[in-house]
Amino acid sequence: MDLCFIYADLPFWRAEVSRITLHIGGITFEDRRVQSADFQNAKETGQLKDGTILPFHQIPCLLVDGVPIAQTAGIARFCGKLAGLYPTDDDLKAAQIDQFVDLATDLNVMVSKTSSIEDPAEKVAARKELAQGLLARKLSMLERCIPEGSDWIVGPKITIADIAIWRLLGWLSSGILDGIPTHILKGFPNIRRVCLAVDTHPKVREWVAMKYPENYNRGQY
């Protein structure tokens, strides 16, 4: 099977959940990183310069023997099945994992809405309000869903849910988003434990060493 994963040259969770899943599983794939100009054009045309089709004019996109698959969660499930990080014979566990990947999407969308605020002061104020309000509430819900003492959200081993939450919350706690405090995970020991377990996973560390900029802040866990 020929796999080509397409995204920007960024360690964003929407890409990393699948990239790292494939890496953990020892699955060979082309890690194709498109430039901004190429993607901006594809947003209008639905095609990259080389003719690659993006079904919904967006990335990430995974080519499987040349057939494009879109949407973060759909790609992650496919990669998870190949790599053994998503069940193929347990529908309940699969659904349990799905809900956390979808939660990551919800949190992403919630925070990304503030990016459209043009005034810098208003943007920071909106993010501070979000961090102290709805975002904190959602993180409290996530905290309660993680079993006490468990390194993984849906055990007994790492799944795509853990990778998605780790990288999303790494982004949120990295300081890159003015108004979102780097200590946002303070008071959430279960979430922090999962994030640290992913962050110290040997294959994750291997991927980070190979692919991340040397001074890149992965987050405050």
N, C-alpha and C. Protein backbone atom coordinates (compact mmCIF):
# COMPACT_ATOMS: atom_id res chain seq x y z
N MET A 1 0.84 -1.19 0.00
CA MET A 1 0.00 0.00 0.00
C MET A 1 0.88 1.25 0.00
N ASP A 2 0.60 2.16 -0.92
CA ASP A 2 1.39 3.39 -1.05
C ASP A 2 0.64 4.52 -0.34
N LEU A 3 1.28 5.10 0.67
CA LEU A 3 0.65 6.16 1.46
C LEU A 3 1.41 7.47 1.31
N CYS A 4 0.67 8.55 1.11
CA CYS A 4 1.26 9.89 1.05
C CYS A 4 0.41 10.82 1.91
N PHE A 5 1.01 11.33 2.99
CA PHE A 5 0.28 12.24 3.88
C PHE A 5 0.62 13.67 3.50
N ILE A 6 -0.41 14.48 3.29
CA ILE A 6 -0.22 15.85 2.81
C ILE A 6 -0.69 16.85 3.85
N TYR A 7 0.22 17.75 4.21
CA TYR A 7 -0.12 18.84 5.13
C TYR A 7 0.95 19.91 4.98
N ALA A 8 0.78 21.01 5.69
CA ALA A 8 1.79 22.06 5.71
C ALA A 8 2.99 21.60 6.55
N ASP A 9 4.06 22.33 6.48
CA ASP A 9 5.26 22.00 7.24
C ASP A 9 5.12 22.52 8.67
N LEU A 10 4.14 21.96 9.37
CA LEU A 10 3.83 22.37 10.74
C LEU A 10 3.52 21.14 11.59
N PRO A 11 3.93 21.13 12.87
CA PRO A 11 3.60 20.01 13.75
C PRO A 11 2.25 20.23 14.44
N PHE A 12 1.22 20.53 13.65
CA PHE A 12 -0.10 20.79 14.22
C PHE A 12 -0.81 19.47 14.46
N TRP A 13 -1.69 19.44 15.43
CA TRP A 13 -2.30 18.17 15.84
C TRP A 13 -3.06 17.49 14.72
N ARG A 14 -3.70 18.27 13.85
CA ARG A 14 -4.49 17.66 12.77
C ARG A 14 -3.62 16.79 11.87
N ALA A 15 -2.34 17.12 11.78
CA ALA A 15 -1.41 16.30 11.00
C ALA A 15 -0.71 15.27 11.88
N GLU A 16 -0.27 15.71 13.06
CA GLU A 16 0.56 14.84 13.89
C GLU A 16 -0.15 13.61 14.40
N VAL A 17 -1.46 13.69 14.60
CA VAL A 17 -2.17 12.51 15.08
C VAL A 17 -2.01 11.34 14.11
N SER A 18 -1.97 11.61 12.82
CA SER A 18 -1.80 10.54 11.83
C SER A 18 -0.34 10.28 11.51
N ARG A 19 0.46 11.35 11.37
CA ARG A 19 1.88 11.15 11.10
C ARG A 19 2.53 10.29 12.19
N ILE A 20 2.30 10.65 13.45
CA ILE A 20 2.94 9.93 14.55
C ILE A 20 2.35 8.53 14.69
N THR A 21 1.07 8.39 14.46
CA THR A 21 0.45 7.06 14.50
C THR A 21 1.13 6.12 13.51
N LEU A 22 1.33 6.58 12.29
CA LEU A 22 2.00 5.75 11.29
C LEU A 22 3.43 5.45 11.70
N HIS A 23 4.10 6.45 12.28
CA HIS A 23 5.48 6.25 12.71
C HIS A 23 5.56 5.22 13.84
N ILE A 24 4.66 5.31 14.80
CA ILE A 24 4.64 4.34 15.90
C ILE A 24 4.42 2.93 15.36
N GLY A 25 3.55 2.82 14.37
CA GLY A 25 3.25 1.51 13.80
C GLY A 25 4.27 0.99 12.81
N GLY A 26 5.29 1.81 12.54
CA GLY A 26 6.31 1.37 11.59
C GLY A 26 5.80 1.30 10.16
N ILE A 27 4.78 2.12 9.86
CA ILE A 27 4.17 2.14 8.53
C ILE A 27 4.90 3.16 7.65
N THR A 28 5.42 2.73 6.54
CA THR A 28 6.13 3.63 5.64
C THR A 28 5.14 4.55 4.92
N PHE A 29 5.45 5.85 4.89
CA PHE A 29 4.60 6.80 4.16
C PHE A 29 5.43 7.99 3.71
N GLU A 30 4.95 8.64 2.67
CA GLU A 30 5.58 9.88 2.21
C GLU A 30 5.02 11.03 3.03
N ASP A 31 5.87 11.75 3.68
CA ASP A 31 5.46 12.89 4.50
C ASP A 31 5.59 14.15 3.65
N ARG A 32 4.55 14.43 2.90
CA ARG A 32 4.61 15.54 1.94
C ARG A 32 4.12 16.84 2.58
N ARG A 33 4.96 17.85 2.53
CA ARG A 33 4.65 19.13 3.18
C ARG A 33 4.54 20.23 2.13
N VAL A 34 3.33 20.71 1.95
CA VAL A 34 3.06 21.67 0.88
C VAL A 34 3.35 23.09 1.35
N GLN A 35 3.74 23.92 0.40
CA GLN A 35 3.99 25.33 0.69
C GLN A 35 2.67 26.10 0.71
N SER A 36 2.69 27.22 1.40
CA SER A 36 1.48 28.02 1.58
C SER A 36 0.85 28.43 0.26
N ALA A 37 1.67 28.87 -0.70
CA ALA A 37 1.13 29.35 -1.97
C ALA A 37 0.39 28.23 -2.70
N ASP A 38 0.93 27.03 -2.66
CA ASP A 38 0.29 25.89 -3.32
C ASP A 38 -1.05 25.59 -2.67
N PHE A 39 -1.07 25.62 -1.34
CA PHE A 39 -2.31 25.31 -0.65
C PHE A 39 -3.36 26.40 -0.85
N GLN A 40 -2.94 27.65 -0.83
CA GLN A 40 -3.90 28.74 -1.02
C GLN A 40 -4.61 28.60 -2.36
N ASN A 41 -3.88 28.20 -3.38
CA ASN A 41 -4.47 27.98 -4.70
C ASN A 41 -5.41 26.78 -4.67
N ALA A 42 -5.01 25.73 -3.94
CA ALA A 42 -5.83 24.52 -3.84
C ALA A 42 -7.14 24.77 -3.10
N LYS A 43 -7.15 25.75 -2.20
CA LYS A 43 -8.38 26.09 -1.50
C LYS A 43 -9.46 26.57 -2.46
N GLU A 44 -9.02 27.14 -3.57
CA GLU A 44 -9.96 27.61 -4.58
C GLU A 44 -10.27 26.52 -5.60
N THR A 45 -9.25 25.80 -6.04
CA THR A 45 -9.41 24.86 -7.14
C THR A 45 -9.69 23.42 -6.71
N GLY A 46 -9.29 23.08 -5.49
CA GLY A 46 -9.43 21.71 -5.02
C GLY A 46 -8.32 20.80 -5.52
N GLN A 47 -7.27 21.40 -6.10
CA GLN A 47 -6.13 20.63 -6.61
C GLN A 47 -4.82 21.31 -6.25
N LEU A 48 -3.82 20.50 -5.92
CA LEU A 48 -2.47 21.02 -5.77
C LEU A 48 -1.84 21.20 -7.15
N LYS A 49 -0.68 21.81 -7.20
CA LYS A 49 -0.05 22.11 -8.49
C LYS A 49 0.19 20.87 -9.34
N ASP A 50 0.44 19.74 -8.67
CA ASP A 50 0.72 18.52 -9.43
C ASP A 50 -0.53 17.76 -9.82
N GLY A 51 -1.70 18.36 -9.53
CA GLY A 51 -2.96 17.72 -9.90
C GLY A 51 -3.60 16.89 -8.81
N THR A 52 -2.93 16.76 -7.65
CA THR A 52 -3.50 16.00 -6.54
C THR A 52 -4.83 16.60 -6.11
N ILE A 53 -5.85 15.77 -6.02
CA ILE A 53 -7.17 16.22 -5.64
C ILE A 53 -7.31 16.30 -4.12
N LEU A 54 -7.81 17.43 -3.63
CA LEU A 54 -8.17 17.58 -2.22
C LEU A 54 -9.70 17.60 -2.17
N PRO A 55 -10.34 16.52 -1.70
CA PRO A 55 -11.79 16.37 -1.80
C PRO A 55 -12.60 17.57 -1.31
N PHE A 56 -12.18 18.17 -0.19
CA PHE A 56 -12.92 19.31 0.36
C PHE A 56 -12.09 20.58 0.33
N HIS A 57 -11.11 20.62 -0.57
CA HIS A 57 -10.26 21.81 -0.75
C HIS A 57 -9.50 22.15 0.53
N GLN A 58 -9.11 21.15 1.29
CA GLN A 58 -8.44 21.41 2.56
C GLN A 58 -7.46 20.28 2.87
N ILE A 59 -6.58 20.57 3.82
CA ILE A 59 -5.65 19.57 4.33
C ILE A 59 -5.86 19.45 5.84
N PRO A 60 -5.53 18.28 6.39
CA PRO A 60 -4.75 17.18 5.84
C PRO A 60 -5.52 16.37 4.80
N CYS A 61 -4.72 15.67 4.00
CA CYS A 61 -5.26 14.73 3.03
C CYS A 61 -4.30 13.54 2.98
N LEU A 62 -4.85 12.36 2.91
CA LEU A 62 -4.04 11.15 2.80
C LEU A 62 -4.34 10.48 1.47
N LEU A 63 -3.29 10.21 0.69
CA LEU A 63 -3.44 9.46 -0.55
C LEU A 63 -3.13 8.00 -0.27
N VAL A 64 -4.09 7.14 -0.56
CA VAL A 64 -3.92 5.70 -0.38
C VAL A 64 -3.94 5.07 -1.77
N ASP A 65 -2.78 4.67 -2.24
CA ASP A 65 -2.64 4.18 -3.62
C ASP A 65 -3.24 5.18 -4.60
N GLY A 66 -3.01 6.47 -4.30
CA GLY A 66 -3.47 7.54 -5.17
C GLY A 66 -4.88 8.03 -4.91
N VAL A 67 -5.63 7.33 -4.05
CA VAL A 67 -7.00 7.72 -3.73
C VAL A 67 -6.99 8.68 -2.52
N PRO A 68 -7.55 9.90 -2.65
CA PRO A 68 -7.49 10.85 -1.56
C PRO A 68 -8.56 10.62 -0.48
N ILE A 69 -8.13 10.75 0.77
CA ILE A 69 -9.04 10.70 1.92
C ILE A 69 -8.86 12.01 2.68
N ALA A 70 -9.96 12.66 3.01
CA ALA A 70 -9.91 13.94 3.72
C ALA A 70 -10.47 13.78 5.13
N GLN A 71 -10.33 14.85 5.89
CA GLN A 71 -10.84 15.01 7.25
C GLN A 71 -9.94 14.36 8.30
N THR A 72 -9.57 15.14 9.28
CA THR A 72 -8.63 14.74 10.32
C THR A 72 -8.99 13.41 10.97
N ALA A 73 -10.21 13.29 11.45
CA ALA A 73 -10.61 12.09 12.19
C ALA A 73 -10.68 10.86 11.30
N GLY A 74 -11.19 11.02 10.10
CA GLY A 74 -11.28 9.90 9.17
C GLY A 74 -9.91 9.36 8.82
N ILE A 75 -8.97 10.27 8.57
CA ILE A 75 -7.60 9.86 8.25
C ILE A 75 -6.97 9.18 9.46
N ALA A 76 -7.17 9.76 10.64
CA ALA A 76 -6.56 9.22 11.86
C ALA A 76 -7.07 7.81 12.14
N ARG A 77 -8.35 7.57 11.93
CA ARG A 77 -8.89 6.22 12.15
C ARG A 77 -8.27 5.21 11.18
N PHE A 78 -8.15 5.63 9.93
CA PHE A 78 -7.55 4.75 8.92
C PHE A 78 -6.12 4.41 9.31
N CYS A 79 -5.35 5.44 9.66
CA CYS A 79 -3.96 5.22 10.05
C CYS A 79 -3.87 4.40 11.33
N GLY A 80 -4.79 4.67 12.26
CA GLY A 80 -4.80 3.93 13.51
C GLY A 80 -5.03 2.45 13.32
N LYS A 81 -5.90 2.11 12.38
CA LYS A 81 -6.15 0.69 12.09
C LYS A 81 -4.90 0.02 11.52
N LEU A 82 -4.21 0.72 10.63
CA LEU A 82 -2.99 0.17 10.04
C LEU A 82 -1.91 -0.03 11.09
N ALA A 83 -1.83 0.91 12.03
CA ALA A 83 -0.73 0.92 13.00
C ALA A 83 -1.04 0.19 14.30
N GLY A 84 -2.29 -0.26 14.48
CA GLY A 84 -2.66 -0.92 15.72
C GLY A 84 -2.97 0.02 16.85
N LEU A 85 -3.28 1.28 16.53
CA LEU A 85 -3.63 2.28 17.55
C LEU A 85 -5.12 2.63 17.52
N TYR A 86 -5.89 1.79 16.84
CA TYR A 86 -7.33 1.96 16.76
C TYR A 86 -7.92 0.58 16.51
N PRO A 87 -8.94 0.19 17.28
CA PRO A 87 -9.45 -1.18 17.19
C PRO A 87 -10.18 -1.47 15.88
N THR A 88 -10.02 -2.70 15.43
CA THR A 88 -10.73 -3.15 14.24
C THR A 88 -11.82 -4.16 14.58
N ASP A 89 -11.85 -4.58 15.85
CA ASP A 89 -12.81 -5.62 16.25
C ASP A 89 -13.53 -5.30 17.55
N ASP A 90 -13.53 -4.03 17.93
CA ASP A 90 -14.19 -3.61 19.17
C ASP A 90 -14.88 -2.28 18.90
N ASP A 91 -16.13 -2.34 18.49
CA ASP A 91 -16.86 -1.13 18.09
C ASP A 91 -17.05 -0.15 19.24
N LEU A 92 -17.24 -0.66 20.46
CA LEU A 92 -17.43 0.22 21.61
C LEU A 92 -16.16 1.00 21.89
N LYS A 93 -15.03 0.31 21.93
CA LYS A 93 -13.76 1.00 22.19
C LYS A 93 -13.46 1.99 21.07
N ALA A 94 -13.79 1.63 19.83
CA ALA A 94 -13.58 2.55 18.71
C ALA A 94 -14.40 3.83 18.91
N ALA A 95 -15.64 3.67 19.35
CA ALA A 95 -16.49 4.84 19.58
C ALA A 95 -15.97 5.68 20.74
N GLN A 96 -15.44 5.02 21.77
CA GLN A 96 -14.87 5.76 22.89
C GLN A 96 -13.68 6.59 22.44
N ILE A 97 -12.85 6.04 21.58
CA ILE A 97 -11.71 6.78 21.04
C ILE A 97 -12.18 7.93 20.16
N ASP A 98 -13.18 7.66 19.32
CA ASP A 98 -13.70 8.68 18.40
C ASP A 98 -14.13 9.94 19.13
N GLN A 99 -14.78 9.77 20.28
CA GLN A 99 -15.33 10.94 20.97
C GLN A 99 -14.23 11.91 21.40
N PHE A 100 -13.05 11.39 21.71
CA PHE A 100 -11.97 12.27 22.15
C PHE A 100 -11.27 12.96 20.97
N VAL A 101 -11.20 12.28 19.84
CA VAL A 101 -10.67 12.93 18.65
C VAL A 101 -11.62 14.04 18.21
N ASP A 102 -12.92 13.77 18.31
CA ASP A 102 -13.91 14.80 17.96
C ASP A 102 -13.88 15.95 18.97
N LEU A 103 -13.60 15.65 20.24
CA LEU A 103 -13.45 16.71 21.23
C LEU A 103 -12.27 17.60 20.87
N ALA A 104 -11.18 17.01 20.42
CA ALA A 104 -10.03 17.80 20.00
C ALA A 104 -10.42 18.76 18.88
N THR A 105 -11.22 18.28 17.94
CA THR A 105 -11.72 19.15 16.86
C THR A 105 -12.56 20.28 17.42
N ASP A 106 -13.45 19.96 18.36
CA ASP A 106 -14.30 20.99 18.96
C ASP A 106 -13.47 22.08 19.64
N LEU A 107 -12.46 21.67 20.40
CA LEU A 107 -11.61 22.64 21.09
C LEU A 107 -10.81 23.47 20.10
N ASN A 108 -10.33 22.84 19.05
CA ASN A 108 -9.60 23.53 18.00
C ASN A 108 -10.47 24.62 17.37
N VAL A 109 -11.67 24.25 16.99
CA VAL A 109 -12.58 25.20 16.35
C VAL A 109 -12.92 26.35 17.30
N MET A 110 -13.15 26.02 18.55
CA MET A 110 -13.50 27.01 19.56
C MET A 110 -12.41 28.09 19.68
N VAL A 111 -11.17 27.65 19.75
CA VAL A 111 -10.06 28.59 19.91
C VAL A 111 -9.77 29.31 18.59
N SER A 112 -9.86 28.60 17.47
CA SER A 112 -9.53 29.19 16.18
C SER A 112 -10.47 30.32 15.79
N LYS A 113 -11.67 30.31 16.31
CA LYS A 113 -12.62 31.39 16.01
C LYS A 113 -12.07 32.75 16.45
N THR A 114 -11.22 32.76 17.48
CA THR A 114 -10.67 34.03 17.96
C THR A 114 -9.65 34.61 16.98
N SER A 115 -9.13 33.79 16.09
CA SER A 115 -8.11 34.27 15.15
C SER A 115 -8.67 35.28 14.16
N SER A 116 -9.98 35.28 13.98
CA SER A 116 -10.60 36.22 13.04
C SER A 116 -10.79 37.61 13.64
N ILE A 117 -10.53 37.76 14.93
CA ILE A 117 -10.64 39.06 15.58
C ILE A 117 -9.43 39.90 15.19
N GLU A 118 -9.66 41.02 14.55
CA GLU A 118 -8.56 41.81 14.00
C GLU A 118 -7.83 42.63 15.06
N ASP A 119 -8.55 43.21 16.00
CA ASP A 119 -7.90 44.04 17.02
C ASP A 119 -7.14 43.15 18.00
N PRO A 120 -5.83 43.34 18.14
CA PRO A 120 -5.02 42.48 19.01
C PRO A 120 -5.50 42.45 20.46
N ALA A 121 -5.87 43.59 20.99
CA ALA A 121 -6.33 43.64 22.38
C ALA A 121 -7.63 42.88 22.56
N GLU A 122 -8.53 43.02 21.61
CA GLU A 122 -9.80 42.30 21.67
C GLU A 122 -9.58 40.80 21.54
N LYS A 123 -8.61 40.42 20.70
CA LYS A 123 -8.31 39.00 20.51
C LYS A 123 -7.79 38.39 21.81
N VAL A 124 -6.87 39.09 22.46
CA VAL A 124 -6.32 38.59 23.72
C VAL A 124 -7.41 38.49 24.78
N ALA A 125 -8.26 39.52 24.84
CA ALA A 125 -9.34 39.52 25.82
C ALA A 125 -10.30 38.36 25.59
N ALA A 126 -10.60 38.09 24.32
CA ALA A 126 -11.51 37.00 23.98
C ALA A 126 -10.91 35.65 24.37
N ARG A 127 -9.61 35.51 24.16
CA ARG A 127 -8.96 34.24 24.49
C ARG A 127 -8.86 34.06 26.01
N LYS A 128 -8.61 35.12 26.72
CA LYS A 128 -8.57 35.03 28.19
C LYS A 128 -9.93 34.60 28.73
N GLU A 129 -10.98 35.20 28.18
CA GLU A 129 -12.33 34.84 28.60
C GLU A 129 -12.63 33.38 28.27
N LEU A 130 -12.20 32.94 27.11
CA LEU A 130 -12.41 31.56 26.68
C LEU A 130 -11.65 30.60 27.60
N ALA A 131 -10.39 30.93 27.91
CA ALA A 131 -9.56 30.07 28.74
C ALA A 131 -10.13 29.92 30.14
N GLN A 132 -10.70 30.98 30.66
CA GLN A 132 -11.25 30.95 32.01
C GLN A 132 -12.68 30.41 32.06
N GLY A 133 -13.33 30.38 30.89
CA GLY A 133 -14.72 29.97 30.84
C GLY A 133 -14.94 28.63 30.16
N LEU A 134 -15.39 28.68 28.91
CA LEU A 134 -15.81 27.47 28.21
C LEU A 134 -14.66 26.47 28.02
N LEU A 135 -13.47 26.96 27.73
CA LEU A 135 -12.34 26.04 27.54
C LEU A 135 -12.01 25.31 28.83
N ALA A 136 -11.99 26.04 29.92
CA ALA A 136 -11.74 25.41 31.23
C ALA A 136 -12.81 24.39 31.56
N ARG A 137 -14.04 24.70 31.20
CA ARG A 137 -15.16 23.78 31.46
C ARG A 137 -14.98 22.49 30.66
N LYS A 138 -14.59 22.63 29.39
CA LYS A 138 -14.38 21.46 28.55
C LYS A 138 -13.22 20.60 29.05
N LEU A 139 -12.15 21.26 29.50
CA LEU A 139 -11.01 20.53 30.04
C LEU A 139 -11.38 19.79 31.33
N SER A 140 -12.26 20.38 32.11
CA SER A 140 -12.74 19.71 33.32
C SER A 140 -13.51 18.44 32.97
N MET A 141 -14.30 18.51 31.90
CA MET A 141 -15.02 17.33 31.43
C MET A 141 -14.05 16.24 30.99
N LEU A 142 -13.03 16.65 30.21
CA LEU A 142 -12.03 15.70 29.76
C LEU A 142 -11.30 15.07 30.94
N GLU A 143 -10.94 15.88 31.92
CA GLU A 143 -10.25 15.39 33.11
C GLU A 143 -11.03 14.28 33.79
N ARG A 144 -12.34 14.45 33.89
CA ARG A 144 -13.17 13.45 34.58
C ARG A 144 -13.33 12.17 33.76
N CYS A 145 -13.10 12.26 32.46
CA CYS A 145 -13.26 11.08 31.60
C CYS A 145 -12.04 10.16 31.61
N ILE A 146 -10.91 10.66 32.10
CA ILE A 146 -9.68 9.88 32.10
C ILE A 146 -9.59 9.07 33.39
N PRO A 147 -9.42 7.75 33.30
CA PRO A 147 -9.35 6.92 34.50
C PRO A 147 -8.19 7.33 35.41
N GLU A 148 -8.43 7.39 36.70
CA GLU A 148 -7.40 7.74 37.66
C GLU A 148 -6.21 6.79 37.53
N GLY A 149 -5.03 7.36 37.46
CA GLY A 149 -3.82 6.56 37.41
C GLY A 149 -3.45 6.01 36.05
N SER A 150 -4.32 6.21 35.06
CA SER A 150 -4.04 5.66 33.73
C SER A 150 -3.22 6.63 32.90
N ASP A 151 -2.26 6.09 32.15
CA ASP A 151 -1.48 6.91 31.23
C ASP A 151 -2.22 7.17 29.93
N TRP A 152 -3.28 6.40 29.68
CA TRP A 152 -3.97 6.48 28.39
C TRP A 152 -5.46 6.74 28.60
N ILE A 153 -6.03 7.51 27.70
CA ILE A 153 -7.44 7.91 27.83
C ILE A 153 -8.37 6.71 27.68
N VAL A 154 -8.09 5.89 26.68
CA VAL A 154 -8.86 4.67 26.46
C VAL A 154 -7.84 3.53 26.43
N GLY A 155 -7.51 2.98 27.61
CA GLY A 155 -6.44 2.00 27.71
C GLY A 155 -6.78 0.68 27.04
N PRO A 156 -5.86 -0.28 27.18
CA PRO A 156 -4.68 -0.27 28.04
C PRO A 156 -3.40 0.24 27.38
N LYS A 157 -3.48 0.74 26.15
CA LYS A 157 -2.28 1.22 25.48
C LYS A 157 -2.59 2.51 24.74
N ILE A 158 -1.56 3.13 24.21
CA ILE A 158 -1.72 4.39 23.49
C ILE A 158 -2.61 4.20 22.26
N THR A 159 -3.45 5.21 22.00
CA THR A 159 -4.33 5.21 20.83
C THR A 159 -4.25 6.58 20.16
N ILE A 160 -4.95 6.70 19.05
CA ILE A 160 -4.98 7.99 18.36
C ILE A 160 -5.58 9.08 19.22
N ALA A 161 -6.43 8.73 20.18
CA ALA A 161 -7.03 9.73 21.08
C ALA A 161 -5.96 10.42 21.90
N ASP A 162 -5.03 9.66 22.44
CA ASP A 162 -3.97 10.23 23.27
C ASP A 162 -3.09 11.18 22.46
N ILE A 163 -2.75 10.78 21.24
CA ILE A 163 -1.89 11.61 20.40
C ILE A 163 -2.60 12.90 20.02
N ALA A 164 -3.88 12.81 19.69
CA ALA A 164 -4.65 14.01 19.32
C ALA A 164 -4.72 15.01 20.47
N ILE A 165 -5.05 14.51 21.66
CA ILE A 165 -5.17 15.39 22.82
C ILE A 165 -3.82 15.97 23.20
N TRP A 166 -2.78 15.14 23.19
CA TRP A 166 -1.42 15.62 23.53
C TRP A 166 -1.00 16.78 22.64
N ARG A 167 -1.13 16.62 21.34
CA ARG A 167 -0.62 17.65 20.43
C ARG A 167 -1.50 18.88 20.43
N LEU A 168 -2.82 18.70 20.54
CA LEU A 168 -3.72 19.86 20.62
C LEU A 168 -3.40 20.69 21.85
N LEU A 169 -3.28 20.02 23.00
CA LEU A 169 -3.03 20.75 24.24
C LEU A 169 -1.61 21.27 24.31
N GLY A 170 -0.70 20.63 23.58
CA GLY A 170 0.63 21.20 23.45
C GLY A 170 0.59 22.54 22.74
N TRP A 171 -0.22 22.61 21.70
CA TRP A 171 -0.42 23.87 20.97
C TRP A 171 -1.03 24.93 21.88
N LEU A 172 -2.06 24.54 22.62
CA LEU A 172 -2.76 25.51 23.46
C LEU A 172 -1.89 26.02 24.60
N SER A 173 -0.97 25.19 25.11
CA SER A 173 -0.16 25.58 26.27
C SER A 173 1.24 26.04 25.88
N SER A 174 1.48 26.25 24.61
CA SER A 174 2.83 26.57 24.14
C SER A 174 3.19 28.05 24.25
N GLY A 175 2.19 28.91 24.45
CA GLY A 175 2.44 30.34 24.50
C GLY A 175 2.32 31.01 23.15
N ILE A 176 2.07 30.24 22.11
CA ILE A 176 1.96 30.81 20.77
C ILE A 176 0.66 31.59 20.58
N LEU A 177 -0.33 31.28 21.42
CA LEU A 177 -1.63 31.94 21.32
C LEU A 177 -1.76 32.99 22.41
N ASP A 178 -1.55 34.23 22.07
CA ASP A 178 -1.65 35.31 23.05
C ASP A 178 -3.01 35.30 23.72
N GLY A 179 -3.00 35.26 25.05
CA GLY A 179 -4.25 35.24 25.79
C GLY A 179 -4.58 33.89 26.38
N ILE A 180 -4.01 32.82 25.79
CA ILE A 180 -4.18 31.48 26.34
C ILE A 180 -2.97 31.19 27.22
N PRO A 181 -3.12 31.07 28.52
CA PRO A 181 -1.97 30.91 29.41
C PRO A 181 -1.25 29.58 29.23
N THR A 182 0.06 29.60 29.40
CA THR A 182 0.84 28.37 29.27
C THR A 182 0.54 27.39 30.41
N HIS A 183 -0.03 27.89 31.50
CA HIS A 183 -0.36 27.01 32.63
C HIS A 183 -1.81 26.53 32.57
N ILE A 184 -2.37 26.49 31.37
CA ILE A 184 -3.79 26.16 31.24
C ILE A 184 -4.11 24.75 31.75
N LEU A 185 -3.11 23.86 31.78
CA LEU A 185 -3.35 22.49 32.24
C LEU A 185 -3.14 22.33 33.74
N LYS A 186 -2.76 23.40 34.42
CA LYS A 186 -2.61 23.34 35.87
C LYS A 186 -3.96 22.99 36.50
N GLY A 187 -3.95 22.05 37.39
CA GLY A 187 -5.21 21.63 38.01
C GLY A 187 -5.89 20.47 37.32
N PHE A 188 -5.24 19.96 36.24
CA PHE A 188 -5.79 18.81 35.52
C PHE A 188 -4.76 17.68 35.49
N PRO A 189 -4.55 17.02 36.60
CA PRO A 189 -3.48 16.00 36.69
C PRO A 189 -3.67 14.82 35.75
N ASN A 190 -4.90 14.42 35.51
CA ASN A 190 -5.12 13.28 34.62
C ASN A 190 -4.73 13.63 33.18
N ILE A 191 -5.11 14.82 32.74
CA ILE A 191 -4.75 15.27 31.39
C ILE A 191 -3.24 15.39 31.26
N ARG A 192 -2.62 15.99 32.28
CA ARG A 192 -1.17 16.18 32.24
C ARG A 192 -0.44 14.84 32.20
N ARG A 193 -0.96 13.86 32.94
CA ARG A 193 -0.31 12.54 32.97
C ARG A 193 -0.34 11.89 31.58
N VAL A 194 -1.50 12.00 30.91
CA VAL A 194 -1.61 11.45 29.55
C VAL A 194 -0.66 12.17 28.60
N CYS A 195 -0.64 13.49 28.67
CA CYS A 195 0.22 14.26 27.78
C CYS A 195 1.69 13.92 28.01
N LEU A 196 2.09 13.75 29.26
CA LEU A 196 3.48 13.39 29.56
C LEU A 196 3.80 11.98 29.07
N ALA A 197 2.82 11.08 29.17
CA ALA A 197 3.04 9.70 28.70
C ALA A 197 3.27 9.68 27.19
N VAL A 198 2.51 10.48 26.46
CA VAL A 198 2.71 10.57 25.01
C VAL A 198 4.05 11.26 24.72
N ASP A 199 4.30 12.35 25.42
CA ASP A 199 5.49 13.15 25.18
C ASP A 199 6.78 12.36 25.40
N THR A 200 6.74 11.38 26.31
CA THR A 200 7.94 10.59 26.61
C THR A 200 7.94 9.22 25.93
N HIS A 201 6.93 8.95 25.11
CA HIS A 201 6.88 7.68 24.38
C HIS A 201 8.09 7.62 23.44
N PRO A 202 8.85 6.53 23.46
CA PRO A 202 10.08 6.46 22.66
C PRO A 202 9.89 6.79 21.17
N LYS A 203 8.82 6.30 20.56
CA LYS A 203 8.60 6.55 19.13
C LYS A 203 8.17 8.00 18.88
N VAL A 204 7.46 8.58 19.84
CA VAL A 204 7.08 9.99 19.72
C VAL A 204 8.34 10.85 19.82
N ARG A 205 9.18 10.54 20.78
CA ARG A 205 10.44 11.28 20.93
C ARG A 205 11.30 11.16 19.68
N GLU A 206 11.31 9.99 19.11
CA GLU A 206 12.07 9.76 17.88
C GLU A 206 11.56 10.64 16.76
N TRP A 207 10.23 10.71 16.60
CA TRP A 207 9.62 11.53 15.56
C TRP A 207 9.91 13.01 15.80
N VAL A 208 9.75 13.46 17.04
CA VAL A 208 10.00 14.86 17.37
C VAL A 208 11.44 15.23 17.06
N ALA A 209 12.38 14.36 17.41
CA ALA A 209 13.79 14.64 17.15
C ALA A 209 14.07 14.76 15.66
N MET A 210 13.37 13.97 14.86
CA MET A 210 13.58 13.99 13.41
C MET A 210 12.91 15.17 12.73
N LYS A 211 11.72 15.54 13.20
CA LYS A 211 10.86 16.43 12.42
C LYS A 211 10.63 17.82 13.00
N TYR A 212 10.77 18.00 14.30
CA TYR A 212 10.42 19.28 14.89
C TYR A 212 11.62 20.23 14.91
N PRO A 213 11.38 21.52 14.71
CA PRO A 213 12.48 22.48 14.86
C PRO A 213 13.10 22.37 16.25
N GLU A 214 14.40 22.59 16.33
CA GLU A 214 15.13 22.38 17.58
C GLU A 214 14.57 23.19 18.74
N ASN A 215 14.14 24.43 18.47
CA ASN A 215 13.66 25.30 19.54
C ASN A 215 12.14 25.32 19.65
N TYR A 216 11.46 24.32 19.07
CA TYR A 216 10.00 24.33 19.06
C TYR A 216 9.45 23.97 20.44
N ASN A 217 8.54 24.79 20.95
CA ASN A 217 7.93 24.57 22.25
C ASN A 217 6.71 23.66 22.07
N ARG A 218 6.81 22.43 22.55
CA ARG A 218 5.73 21.46 22.35
C ARG A 218 4.60 21.63 23.34
N GLY A 219 4.79 22.48 24.35
CA GLY A 219 3.73 22.72 25.31
C GLY A 219 4.22 22.56 26.74
N GLN A 220 3.38 22.97 27.65
CA GLN A 220 3.69 22.93 29.08
C GLN A 220 2.83 21.87 29.76
N TYR A 221 3.42 20.72 30.04
CA TYR A 221 2.68 19.63 30.66
C TYR A 221 3.04 19.49 32.14
